[in-house]
Amino acid sequence: MTPGGPPLLILGVRRSGTTLLRVMLDRHSRLAVPDESYFVPQLADRHLRSIDADDFVDDLRRLNTLAEWDVPIDKVRARLRDGMPVGAAIATVYAVYAEERGKERWGDKTPMYMQNLRLLDHLFSDARFVHLIRDGRDAALSFLAMPRGIVTETWMHPRTAADFACQWATEVAAARRLGRRAGGRYLEVRYEDLVADVEAVLRRICSFAGLEYEPAMADYAGNVDVSTKPHQQRLRQPPTKGVRYWRTQMAGPDVEAFEAVAGDLLRDLGYETSHTSRTAGRVRAGWYSARALAWRGSSFGLRRSFLWRRRHPVLRG
């Protein structure tokens, strides 16, 4: 079991409101939920089942995220031991981050990890998962409107509504399968419900996580520094319904293309649709899944090779 209490992991496809939820939960007096981490699959692939403590720390010194978080590596090292399971070693990094902020529990919000859900469940076997789902068409509008350069663009980067539908459907379905395996450790929440009644949804999440609801969680507007994040300026304001509304803002052909891929899942989730999934859409989604599998395989190979450290020079002594 994780010291301090089970980690709370926020799941969700990009542009589904996960940053909003992270900011709210991070304002809880007992819970620290940092900005996106990115390093969990890297460290897991680098060290597999158990760690050599000095090698693990050498990798920590190379991670941009930990430099940005200002995690004291010496405090992490003091808690590591040779042969420690890699999940426990990674959890130690988060635990030190939380303690440096006067908190006893930690969480994570990294949408990229929607491609690594089995890994998360394996590494953090007592984790609680909160899956935030947003109508994929609204999420697509938000994602495709982001200026270039905000996110790293790989060959998996969606560039059309249909591309985004493949990612959305694949990741939402994968998280729901995780939920069936995790049972009582999984909670599904709708973005639309969160912005409509913040307190009610936060109370539900707190009850699920074993935390007391705190009104400060909803009082984030004006208390979050987003000066360097142009794609997060909405956090300056309270939650607002209808910021992206596919019925009036998405072109008809894009709606049809999205629903050709993900219409059945949208309907299963209770969202209104005009088109059913089509064979061509399912083939497209299958091709996306194959590419995602190839991407994970190539990433694993890179992380296991000498090239990883060459690409990640030491940032801190």
Protein backbone atom coordinates (compact mmCIF):
# COMPACT_ATOMS: atom_id res chain seq x y z
CA MET A 1 0.00 0.00 0.00
CA THR A 2 1.16 3.52 -0.80
CA PRO A 3 2.26 5.50 2.29
CA GLY A 4 -0.07 8.43 2.94
CA GLY A 5 -2.94 6.85 1.05
CA PRO A 6 -3.69 5.57 -2.44
CA PRO A 7 -2.58 7.83 -5.29
CA LEU A 8 -5.38 9.54 -7.20
CA LEU A 9 -4.81 9.31 -10.94
CA ILE A 10 -6.84 11.52 -13.27
CA LEU A 11 -7.54 9.86 -16.62
CA GLY A 12 -8.85 11.59 -19.69
CA VAL A 13 -8.23 12.27 -23.35
CA ARG A 14 -6.49 15.54 -24.09
CA ARG A 15 -8.73 18.65 -23.93
CA SER A 16 -11.30 16.84 -21.81
CA GLY A 17 -11.02 19.13 -18.78
CA THR A 18 -8.35 17.16 -16.94
CA THR A 19 -6.29 20.30 -16.23
CA LEU A 20 -9.32 21.97 -14.69
CA LEU A 21 -9.92 18.95 -12.46
CA ARG A 22 -6.23 18.73 -11.57
CA VAL A 23 -6.16 22.35 -10.42
CA MET A 24 -9.23 21.79 -8.25
CA LEU A 25 -7.90 18.63 -6.64
CA ASP A 26 -4.45 20.12 -6.11
CA ARG A 27 -6.03 22.83 -3.95
CA HIS A 28 -7.03 20.19 -1.39
CA SER A 29 -4.96 20.52 1.78
CA ARG A 30 -3.97 16.83 1.77
CA LEU A 31 -3.49 16.11 -1.92
CA ALA A 32 -0.74 17.24 -4.32
CA VAL A 33 -1.46 16.78 -8.03
CA PRO A 34 1.36 18.25 -10.12
CA ASP A 35 1.27 19.28 -13.73
CA GLU A 36 1.91 16.63 -16.37
CA SER A 37 4.79 14.34 -15.46
CA TYR A 38 5.61 12.36 -18.65
CA PHE A 39 8.33 10.31 -16.92
CA VAL A 40 6.42 7.30 -15.59
CA PRO A 41 6.66 5.12 -18.76
CA GLN A 42 10.24 6.25 -19.28
CA LEU A 43 11.38 5.15 -15.83
CA ALA A 44 9.30 1.98 -15.96
CA ASP A 45 10.85 0.98 -19.30
CA ARG A 46 14.32 1.96 -18.19
CA HIS A 47 14.25 -0.10 -14.98
CA LEU A 48 11.60 -2.77 -15.60
CA ARG A 49 10.78 -4.69 -12.41
CA SER A 50 13.24 -3.39 -9.81
CA ILE A 51 15.85 -0.68 -9.53
CA ASP A 52 19.49 -0.15 -8.89
CA ALA A 53 19.14 2.94 -6.70
CA ASP A 54 22.13 4.84 -8.08
CA ASP A 55 21.16 4.17 -11.71
CA PHE A 56 17.60 5.24 -10.97
CA VAL A 57 18.77 8.50 -9.42
CA ASP A 58 21.07 9.12 -12.38
CA ASP A 59 18.01 8.96 -14.61
CA LEU A 60 16.05 11.28 -12.30
CA ARG A 61 18.75 13.92 -12.71
CA ARG A 62 18.08 13.88 -16.46
CA LEU A 63 14.35 14.57 -16.35
CA ASN A 64 13.11 18.05 -17.27
CA THR A 65 9.94 17.55 -15.27
CA LEU A 66 11.72 16.97 -11.98
CA ALA A 67 13.89 20.03 -12.57
CA GLU A 68 10.73 22.07 -13.18
CA TRP A 69 9.05 20.61 -10.09
CA ASP A 70 12.20 21.35 -8.07
CA VAL A 71 12.08 17.92 -6.42
CA PRO A 72 15.09 17.50 -4.08
CA ILE A 73 16.78 14.44 -5.57
CA ASP A 74 18.81 13.82 -2.39
CA LYS A 75 15.61 13.31 -0.42
CA VAL A 76 14.37 10.83 -3.00
CA ARG A 77 17.69 8.98 -2.93
CA ALA A 78 17.56 8.64 0.86
CA ARG A 79 14.38 6.56 0.55
CA LEU A 80 15.47 4.29 -2.27
CA ARG A 81 17.08 0.89 -1.92
CA ASP A 82 18.52 -1.55 -4.39
CA GLY A 83 15.92 -4.07 -5.52
CA MET A 84 12.97 -1.77 -4.73
CA PRO A 85 10.07 -2.36 -7.16
CA VAL A 86 10.11 0.28 -9.86
CA GLY A 87 6.54 1.35 -9.05
CA ALA A 88 7.49 2.03 -5.43
CA ALA A 89 10.56 3.98 -6.57
CA ILE A 90 8.48 6.15 -8.90
CA ALA A 91 5.91 6.65 -6.15
CA THR A 92 8.73 7.92 -3.92
CA VAL A 93 9.35 10.77 -6.35
CA TYR A 94 5.71 11.84 -6.10
CA ALA A 95 5.69 11.40 -2.32
CA VAL A 96 8.66 13.74 -1.91
CA TYR A 97 7.00 16.25 -4.25
CA ALA A 98 3.86 16.16 -2.08
CA GLU A 99 5.72 16.41 1.22
CA GLU A 100 7.68 19.42 -0.01
CA ARG A 101 4.28 21.09 -0.34
CA GLY A 102 3.08 20.00 3.08
CA LYS A 103 0.77 17.27 1.77
CA GLU A 104 0.52 13.57 2.52
CA ARG A 105 -1.05 12.16 -0.65
CA TRP A 106 -0.24 12.54 -4.31
CA GLY A 107 -1.91 12.23 -7.66
CA ASP A 108 -1.16 12.60 -11.33
CA LYS A 109 -2.74 14.07 -14.44
CA THR A 110 -0.96 13.19 -17.67
CA PRO A 111 -3.28 12.51 -20.64
CA MET A 112 -0.43 10.80 -22.48
CA TYR A 113 -0.76 7.96 -19.96
CA MET A 114 -4.07 7.00 -21.54
CA GLN A 115 -1.78 4.94 -23.79
CA ASN A 116 -0.27 3.22 -20.73
CA LEU A 117 -3.21 2.26 -18.52
CA ARG A 118 -2.17 -1.33 -17.83
CA LEU A 119 1.24 -0.04 -16.82
CA LEU A 120 -0.27 2.46 -14.38
CA ASP A 121 -2.40 -0.25 -12.78
CA HIS A 122 0.61 -2.56 -12.53
CA LEU A 123 2.91 0.06 -11.01
CA PHE A 124 0.38 1.52 -8.57
CA SER A 125 -1.82 -1.39 -7.58
CA ASP A 126 -3.82 0.55 -4.97
CA ALA A 127 -4.36 3.66 -7.13
CA ARG A 128 -7.76 5.27 -7.45
CA PHE A 129 -8.67 6.27 -11.02
CA VAL A 130 -10.95 9.20 -11.85
CA HIS A 131 -11.83 9.08 -15.54
CA LEU A 132 -13.09 12.43 -16.84
CA ILE A 133 -15.05 12.04 -20.08
CA ARG A 134 -16.03 14.91 -22.35
CA ASP A 135 -18.09 14.74 -25.54
CA GLY A 136 -15.37 13.87 -28.02
CA ARG A 137 -16.60 16.35 -30.59
CA ASP A 138 -16.16 19.24 -28.14
CA ALA A 139 -12.74 17.89 -27.14
CA ALA A 140 -11.81 17.70 -30.82
CA LEU A 141 -12.81 21.33 -31.37
CA SER A 142 -10.64 22.39 -28.46
CA PHE A 143 -7.67 20.29 -29.49
CA LEU A 144 -7.69 21.28 -33.15
CA ALA A 145 -7.96 24.97 -32.22
CA MET A 146 -4.71 24.92 -30.21
CA PRO A 147 -1.89 26.95 -31.79
CA ARG A 148 1.02 24.99 -33.22
CA GLY A 149 3.88 24.42 -30.80
CA ILE A 150 1.76 24.03 -27.67
CA VAL A 151 2.12 20.25 -27.65
CA THR A 152 4.85 18.05 -29.05
CA GLU A 153 3.78 16.78 -32.46
CA THR A 154 4.72 13.22 -33.28
CA TRP A 155 3.53 11.01 -36.12
CA MET A 156 0.59 10.12 -33.82
CA HIS A 157 -0.57 13.75 -33.63
CA PRO A 158 -4.25 14.13 -34.71
CA ARG A 159 -4.70 16.73 -37.43
CA THR A 160 -8.38 16.23 -38.35
CA ALA A 161 -11.63 15.54 -36.53
CA ALA A 162 -11.51 11.93 -37.74
CA ASP A 163 -7.93 11.53 -36.48
CA PHE A 164 -8.93 12.87 -33.08
CA ALA A 165 -11.97 10.57 -33.04
CA CYS A 166 -9.62 7.59 -33.36
CA GLN A 167 -7.61 8.72 -30.36
CA TRP A 168 -10.67 9.65 -28.32
CA ALA A 169 -12.52 6.39 -28.96
CA THR A 170 -9.44 4.22 -28.41
CA GLU A 171 -8.45 5.88 -25.14
CA VAL A 172 -11.94 6.23 -23.67
CA ALA A 173 -12.70 2.58 -24.39
CA ALA A 174 -9.35 1.51 -22.89
CA ALA A 175 -10.02 3.47 -19.70
CA ARG A 176 -13.46 1.94 -19.37
CA ARG A 177 -11.93 -1.53 -19.72
CA LEU A 178 -9.53 -0.58 -16.94
CA GLY A 179 -12.55 0.41 -14.89
CA ARG A 180 -14.08 -3.02 -15.28
CA ARG A 181 -10.84 -4.60 -14.04
CA ALA A 182 -10.29 -2.10 -11.23
CA GLY A 183 -13.84 -2.28 -9.91
CA GLY A 184 -14.26 0.01 -6.90
CA ARG A 185 -10.97 1.78 -7.63
CA TYR A 186 -12.44 3.46 -10.73
CA LEU A 187 -14.82 6.41 -10.95
CA GLU A 188 -16.27 7.83 -14.15
CA VAL A 189 -17.14 11.53 -14.25
CA ARG A 190 -18.52 13.67 -17.05
CA TYR A 191 -16.93 17.01 -17.87
CA GLU A 192 -20.37 18.41 -18.62
CA ASP A 193 -21.50 17.55 -15.08
CA LEU A 194 -18.37 19.08 -13.56
CA VAL A 195 -18.84 22.49 -15.15
CA ALA A 196 -22.59 22.42 -14.44
CA ASP A 197 -22.27 21.64 -10.71
CA VAL A 198 -18.69 21.85 -9.50
CA GLU A 199 -19.34 21.23 -5.82
CA ALA A 200 -21.52 18.17 -6.36
CA VAL A 201 -18.96 16.49 -8.60
CA LEU A 202 -16.02 17.39 -6.35
CA ARG A 203 -17.88 15.99 -3.35
CA ARG A 204 -18.43 12.76 -5.27
CA ILE A 205 -14.75 12.53 -6.16
CA CYS A 206 -13.66 13.31 -2.60
CA SER A 207 -15.94 10.61 -1.22
CA PHE A 208 -14.50 8.14 -3.71
CA ALA A 209 -10.94 9.12 -2.78
CA GLY A 210 -11.52 9.09 0.99
CA LEU A 211 -11.06 12.85 1.36
CA GLU A 212 -13.18 15.53 2.97
CA TYR A 213 -14.57 18.08 0.54
CA GLU A 214 -12.97 21.51 0.93
CA PRO A 215 -14.63 24.64 -0.57
CA ALA A 216 -11.21 26.01 -1.55
CA MET A 217 -11.05 23.34 -4.25
CA ALA A 218 -13.62 25.22 -6.33
CA ASP A 219 -12.08 28.63 -5.63
CA TYR A 220 -9.27 28.41 -8.17
CA ALA A 221 -10.11 31.28 -10.55
CA GLY A 222 -7.48 33.98 -10.20
CA ASN A 223 -5.35 31.75 -7.98
CA VAL A 224 -3.57 29.77 -10.71
CA ASP A 225 -0.51 30.99 -12.61
CA VAL A 226 -1.12 30.34 -16.31
CA SER A 227 1.08 33.15 -17.58
CA THR A 228 3.27 30.71 -19.54
CA LYS A 229 0.40 28.50 -20.75
CA PRO A 230 -1.61 30.19 -23.51
CA HIS A 231 -3.81 27.11 -23.94
CA GLN A 232 -4.95 27.23 -20.29
CA GLN A 233 -6.21 30.81 -20.03
CA ARG A 234 -9.72 29.59 -19.21
CA LEU A 235 -8.40 28.79 -15.73
CA ARG A 236 -8.52 32.51 -15.02
CA GLN A 237 -12.31 32.15 -14.98
CA PRO A 238 -14.79 29.93 -13.12
CA PRO A 239 -16.05 26.85 -15.01
CA THR A 240 -18.07 27.86 -18.05
CA LYS A 241 -20.54 25.69 -19.92
CA GLY A 242 -20.55 25.66 -23.70
CA VAL A 243 -17.04 27.03 -24.29
CA ARG A 244 -16.79 24.54 -27.14
CA TYR A 245 -20.10 23.44 -28.62
CA TRP A 246 -19.89 21.08 -31.56
CA ARG A 247 -23.50 21.63 -32.64
CA THR A 248 -22.76 25.23 -33.64
CA GLN A 249 -18.98 25.26 -34.06
CA MET A 250 -18.09 22.01 -35.86
CA ALA A 251 -18.54 21.74 -39.60
CA GLY A 252 -21.07 19.15 -40.74
CA PRO A 253 -18.52 16.99 -42.59
CA ASP A 254 -16.32 16.92 -39.49
CA VAL A 255 -19.25 15.83 -37.32
CA GLU A 256 -19.99 13.04 -39.77
CA ALA A 257 -16.32 12.01 -39.95
CA PHE A 258 -16.00 11.95 -36.14
CA GLU A 259 -19.17 9.92 -35.69
CA ALA A 260 -18.17 7.50 -38.44
CA VAL A 261 -15.32 6.49 -36.13
CA ALA A 262 -16.79 7.00 -32.67
CA GLY A 263 -20.56 7.27 -33.07
CA ASP A 264 -21.34 3.99 -31.32
CA LEU A 265 -19.23 4.91 -28.28
CA LEU A 266 -20.74 8.39 -28.13
CA ARG A 267 -24.20 6.80 -28.05
CA ASP A 268 -23.15 4.25 -25.42
CA LEU A 269 -22.09 7.18 -23.25
CA GLY A 270 -25.43 8.90 -23.71
CA TYR A 271 -24.34 11.62 -26.13
CA GLU A 272 -26.62 12.59 -29.00
CA THR A 273 -25.49 11.49 -32.45
CA SER A 274 -26.74 11.76 -36.01
CA HIS A 275 -24.54 9.09 -37.58
CA THR A 276 -23.53 5.56 -36.65
CA SER A 277 -20.02 4.19 -36.76
CA ARG A 278 -19.15 2.85 -40.19
CA THR A 279 -16.88 0.11 -41.42
CA ALA A 280 -14.45 2.67 -42.85
CA GLY A 281 -14.39 4.44 -39.49
CA ARG A 282 -13.69 1.21 -37.63
CA VAL A 283 -10.88 0.40 -40.07
CA ARG A 284 -9.42 3.85 -39.48
CA ALA A 285 -9.59 3.35 -35.70
CA GLY A 286 -7.94 -0.05 -36.07
CA TRP A 287 -5.12 1.50 -38.09
CA TYR A 288 -4.68 4.12 -35.36
CA SER A 289 -4.44 1.37 -32.71
CA ALA A 290 -1.81 -0.44 -34.77
CA ARG A 291 0.25 2.72 -35.11
CA ALA A 292 -0.09 3.40 -31.39
CA LEU A 293 1.20 -0.09 -30.63
CA ALA A 294 4.15 0.47 -32.97
CA TRP A 295 4.85 3.81 -31.30
CA ARG A 296 4.93 2.22 -27.85
CA GLY A 297 7.23 -0.52 -29.13
CA SER A 298 9.68 1.92 -30.68
CA SER A 299 9.61 4.07 -27.54
CA PHE A 300 10.41 1.03 -25.39
CA GLY A 301 13.36 0.16 -27.60
CA LEU A 302 14.74 3.69 -27.42
CA ARG A 303 14.41 3.87 -23.65
CA ARG A 304 16.22 0.57 -23.20
CA SER A 305 19.14 1.68 -25.38
CA PHE A 306 22.18 3.88 -24.71
CA LEU A 307 20.52 6.56 -26.84
CA TRP A 308 18.11 7.52 -24.05
CA ARG A 309 20.86 8.97 -21.86
CA ARG A 310 22.48 10.60 -24.86
CA ARG A 311 19.19 12.37 -25.53
CA HIS A 312 18.71 13.22 -21.86
CA PRO A 313 21.85 14.88 -20.48
CA VAL A 314 22.22 15.41 -16.74
CA LEU A 315 20.39 18.59 -15.71
CA ARG A 316 21.22 18.65 -12.01
CA GLY A 317 24.17 17.44 -9.99
